[in-house]
Amino acid sequence: MINISNNIEKTPEMEKYEEETGKKAIWRGILTESYKRWLKGEKV
């Protein structure tokens, strides 16, 4: 895992999200709303 900020580490799920969507899972040290919706199974 890659340490992004103090509390967030990049997980394999985040890497999969970024690869599938071309979007970042973390922006300015916080999880993106789009990533959170993707985790719940919603279409992004």
PDB file of N, CA and C in Angstrom:
ATOM      1  N   MET A   1       0.834  -1.187   0.000  1.00  0.00           N
ATOM      2  CA  MET A   1       0.000   0.000   0.000  1.00  0.00           C
ATOM      3  C   MET A   1       0.875   1.245   0.000  1.00  0.00           C
ATOM      4  N   ILE A   2       0.361   2.290  -0.593  1.00  0.00           N
ATOM      5  CA  ILE A   2       1.075   3.555  -0.665  1.00  0.00           C
ATOM      6  C   ILE A   2       0.433   4.519   0.314  1.00  0.00           C
ATOM      7  N   ASN A   3       1.237   5.131   1.179  1.00  0.00           N
ATOM      8  CA  ASN A   3       0.724   6.089   2.154  1.00  0.00           C
ATOM      9  C   ASN A   3       0.492   7.423   1.452  1.00  0.00           C
ATOM     10  N   ILE A   4      -0.760   7.876   1.400  1.00  0.00           N
ATOM     11  CA  ILE A   4      -1.128   9.108   0.719  1.00  0.00           C
ATOM     12  C   ILE A   4      -1.112  10.294   1.683  1.00  0.00           C
ATOM     13  N   SER A   5      -1.685  10.133   2.835  1.00  0.00           N
ATOM     14  CA  SER A   5      -1.726  11.205   3.827  1.00  0.00           C
ATOM     15  C   SER A   5      -1.570  10.584   5.202  1.00  0.00           C
ATOM     16  N   ASN A   6      -1.888  11.326   6.217  1.00  0.00           N
ATOM     17  CA  ASN A   6      -1.728  10.830   7.576  1.00  0.00           C
ATOM     18  C   ASN A   6      -2.575   9.599   7.857  1.00  0.00           C
ATOM     19  N   ASN A   7      -3.803   9.561   7.360  1.00  0.00           N
ATOM     20  CA  ASN A   7      -4.725   8.491   7.734  1.00  0.00           C
ATOM     21  C   ASN A   7      -5.138   7.575   6.584  1.00  0.00           C
ATOM     22  N   ILE A   8      -4.844   7.941   5.351  1.00  0.00           N
ATOM     23  CA  ILE A   8      -5.341   7.181   4.211  1.00  0.00           C
ATOM     24  C   ILE A   8      -4.187   6.469   3.514  1.00  0.00           C
ATOM     25  N   GLU A   9      -4.353   5.163   3.319  1.00  0.00           N
ATOM     26  CA  GLU A   9      -3.390   4.390   2.557  1.00  0.00           C
ATOM     27  C   GLU A   9      -4.086   3.859   1.318  1.00  0.00           C
ATOM     28  N   LYS A  10      -3.390   3.896   0.197  1.00  0.00           N
ATOM     29  CA  LYS A  10      -3.963   3.429  -1.056  1.00  0.00           C
ATOM     30  C   LYS A  10      -4.088   1.910  -1.028  1.00  0.00           C
ATOM     31  N   THR A  11      -5.302   1.430  -1.242  1.00  0.00           N
ATOM     32  CA  THR A  11      -5.587   0.001  -1.178  1.00  0.00           C
ATOM     33  C   THR A  11      -5.699  -0.582  -2.592  1.00  0.00           C
ATOM     34  N   PRO A  12      -5.690  -1.904  -2.698  1.00  0.00           N
ATOM     35  CA  PRO A  12      -5.895  -2.528  -4.013  1.00  0.00           C
ATOM     36  C   PRO A  12      -7.239  -2.143  -4.640  1.00  0.00           C
ATOM     37  N   GLU A  13      -8.270  -1.933  -3.804  1.00  0.00           N
ATOM     38  CA  GLU A  13      -9.573  -1.508  -4.331  1.00  0.00           C
ATOM     39  C   GLU A  13      -9.466  -0.127  -4.977  1.00  0.00           C
ATOM     40  N   MET A  14      -8.710   0.766  -4.353  1.00  0.00           N
ATOM     41  CA  MET A  14      -8.527   2.105  -4.915  1.00  0.00           C
ATOM     42  C   MET A  14      -7.797   2.032  -6.250  1.00  0.00           C
ATOM     43  N   GLU A  15      -6.789   1.190  -6.334  1.00  0.00           N
ATOM     44  CA  GLU A  15      -6.056   1.036  -7.587  1.00  0.00           C
ATOM     45  C   GLU A  15      -6.956   0.467  -8.678  1.00  0.00           C
ATOM     46  N   LYS A  16      -7.829  -0.483  -8.318  1.00  0.00           N
ATOM     47  CA  LYS A  16      -8.770  -1.053  -9.286  1.00  0.00           C
ATOM     48  C   LYS A  16      -9.739   0.021  -9.772  1.00  0.00           C
ATOM     49  N   TYR A  17     -10.261   0.834  -8.850  1.00  0.00           N
ATOM     50  CA  TYR A  17     -11.169   1.930  -9.204  1.00  0.00           C
ATOM     51  C   TYR A  17     -10.494   2.884 -10.187  1.00  0.00           C
ATOM     52  N   GLU A  18      -9.260   3.284  -9.876  1.00  0.00           N
ATOM     53  CA  GLU A  18      -8.544   4.230 -10.729  1.00  0.00           C
ATOM     54  C   GLU A  18      -8.277   3.641 -12.111  1.00  0.00           C
ATOM     55  N   GLU A  19      -7.981   2.344 -12.163  1.00  0.00           N
ATOM     56  CA  GLU A  19      -7.727   1.689 -13.443  1.00  0.00           C
ATOM     57  C   GLU A  19      -9.005   1.582 -14.268  1.00  0.00           C
ATOM     58  N   GLU A  20     -10.117   1.222 -13.625  1.00  0.00           N
ATOM     59  CA  GLU A  20     -11.390   1.038 -14.335  1.00  0.00           C
ATOM     60  C   GLU A  20     -11.983   2.356 -14.809  1.00  0.00           C
ATOM     61  N   THR A  21     -11.907   3.394 -13.976  1.00  0.00           N
ATOM     62  CA  THR A  21     -12.599   4.641 -14.287  1.00  0.00           C
ATOM     63  C   THR A  21     -11.697   5.734 -14.837  1.00  0.00           C
ATOM     64  N   GLY A  22     -10.411   5.651 -14.567  1.00  0.00           N
ATOM     65  CA  GLY A  22      -9.502   6.721 -14.969  1.00  0.00           C
ATOM     66  C   GLY A  22      -9.580   7.917 -14.037  1.00  0.00           C
ATOM     67  N   LYS A  23     -10.278   7.754 -12.914  1.00  0.00           N
ATOM     68  CA  LYS A  23     -10.426   8.831 -11.929  1.00  0.00           C
ATOM     69  C   LYS A  23      -9.622   8.503 -10.684  1.00  0.00           C
ATOM     70  N   LYS A  24      -9.317   9.516  -9.894  1.00  0.00           N
ATOM     71  CA  LYS A  24      -8.579   9.334  -8.650  1.00  0.00           C
ATOM     72  C   LYS A  24      -9.528   8.967  -7.519  1.00  0.00           C
ATOM     73  N   ALA A  25      -9.099   8.040  -6.662  1.00  0.00           N
ATOM     74  CA  ALA A  25      -9.890   7.654  -5.497  1.00  0.00           C
ATOM     75  C   ALA A  25      -9.686   8.647  -4.357  1.00  0.00           C
ATOM     76  N   ILE A  26      -8.520   9.284  -4.333  1.00  0.00           N
ATOM     77  CA  ILE A  26      -8.195  10.244  -3.277  1.00  0.00           C
ATOM     78  C   ILE A  26      -7.830  11.568  -3.929  1.00  0.00           C
ATOM     79  N   TRP A  27      -8.432  12.642  -3.437  1.00  0.00           N
ATOM     80  CA  TRP A  27      -8.143  13.980  -3.951  1.00  0.00           C
ATOM     81  C   TRP A  27      -7.938  14.904  -2.767  1.00  0.00           C
ATOM     82  N   ARG A  28      -6.790  15.533  -2.722  1.00  0.00           N
ATOM     83  CA  ARG A  28      -6.436  16.453  -1.633  1.00  0.00           C
ATOM     84  C   ARG A  28      -6.542  15.797  -0.260  1.00  0.00           C
ATOM     85  N   GLY A  29      -6.186  14.526  -0.195  1.00  0.00           N
ATOM     86  CA  GLY A  29      -6.142  13.838   1.087  1.00  0.00           C
ATOM     87  C   GLY A  29      -7.454  13.273   1.589  1.00  0.00           C
ATOM     88  N   ILE A  30      -8.517  13.343   0.768  1.00  0.00           N
ATOM     89  CA  ILE A  30      -9.799  12.760   1.185  1.00  0.00           C
ATOM     90  C   ILE A  30     -10.319  11.833   0.088  1.00  0.00           C
ATOM     91  N   LEU A  31     -11.144  10.873   0.476  1.00  0.00           N
ATOM     92  CA  LEU A  31     -11.753   9.975  -0.500  1.00  0.00           C
ATOM     93  C   LEU A  31     -12.783  10.737  -1.321  1.00  0.00           C
ATOM     94  N   THR A  32     -12.808  10.491  -2.622  1.00  0.00           N
ATOM     95  CA  THR A  32     -13.765  11.182  -3.487  1.00  0.00           C
ATOM     96  C   THR A  32     -15.152  10.573  -3.349  1.00  0.00           C
ATOM     97  N   GLU A  33     -16.163  11.392  -3.581  1.00  0.00           N
ATOM     98  CA  GLU A  33     -17.547  10.917  -3.521  1.00  0.00           C
ATOM     99  C   GLU A  33     -17.793   9.861  -4.595  1.00  0.00           C
ATOM    100  N   SER A  34     -17.182  10.043  -5.757  1.00  0.00           N
ATOM    101  CA  SER A  34     -17.335   9.082  -6.839  1.00  0.00           C
ATOM    102  C   SER A  34     -16.789   7.717  -6.436  1.00  0.00           C
ATOM    103  N   TYR A  35     -15.666   7.695  -5.755  1.00  0.00           N
ATOM    104  CA  TYR A  35     -15.085   6.433  -5.279  1.00  0.00           C
ATOM    105  C   TYR A  35     -15.995   5.778  -4.245  1.00  0.00           C
ATOM    106  N   LYS A  36     -16.568   6.569  -3.355  1.00  0.00           N
ATOM    107  CA  LYS A  36     -17.462   6.021  -2.333  1.00  0.00           C
ATOM    108  C   LYS A  36     -18.693   5.378  -2.978  1.00  0.00           C
ATOM    109  N   ARG A  37     -19.243   6.028  -4.025  1.00  0.00           N
ATOM    110  CA  ARG A  37     -20.394   5.460  -4.733  1.00  0.00           C
ATOM    111  C   ARG A  37     -19.998   4.168  -5.441  1.00  0.00           C
ATOM    112  N   TRP A  38     -18.809   4.150  -6.032  1.00  0.00           N
ATOM    113  CA  TRP A  38     -18.310   2.960  -6.721  1.00  0.00           C
ATOM    114  C   TRP A  38     -18.187   1.796  -5.746  1.00  0.00           C
ATOM    115  N   LEU A  39     -17.720   2.066  -4.527  1.00  0.00           N
ATOM    116  CA  LEU A  39     -17.594   1.014  -3.517  1.00  0.00           C
ATOM    117  C   LEU A  39     -18.949   0.407  -3.169  1.00  0.00           C
ATOM    118  N   LYS A  40     -19.992   1.229  -3.175  1.00  0.00           N
ATOM    119  CA  LYS A  40     -21.341   0.752  -2.854  1.00  0.00           C
ATOM    120  C   LYS A  40     -21.963  -0.021  -4.014  1.00  0.00           C
ATOM    121  N   GLY A  41     -21.311   0.011  -5.172  1.00  0.00           N
ATOM    122  CA  GLY A  41     -21.814  -0.726  -6.324  1.00  0.00           C
ATOM    123  C   GLY A  41     -22.577   0.119  -7.314  1.00  0.00           C
ATOM    124  N   GLU A  42     -22.629   1.415  -7.088  1.00  0.00           N
ATOM    125  CA  GLU A  42     -23.331   2.290  -8.020  1.00  0.00           C
ATOM    126  C   GLU A  42     -22.478   2.502  -9.265  1.00  0.00           C
ATOM    127  N   LYS A  43     -23.134   2.793 -10.373  1.00  0.00           N
ATOM    128  CA  LYS A  43     -22.419   3.046 -11.617  1.00  0.00           C
ATOM    129  C   LYS A  43     -21.792   4.436 -11.571  1.00  0.00           C
ATOM    130  N   VAL A  44     -20.536   4.514 -11.987  1.00  0.00           N
ATOM    131  CA  VAL A  44     -19.819   5.796 -11.958  1.00  0.00           C
ATOM    132  C   VAL A  44     -19.637   6.285 -13.366  1.00  0.00           C
TER     133      VAL A  44
END
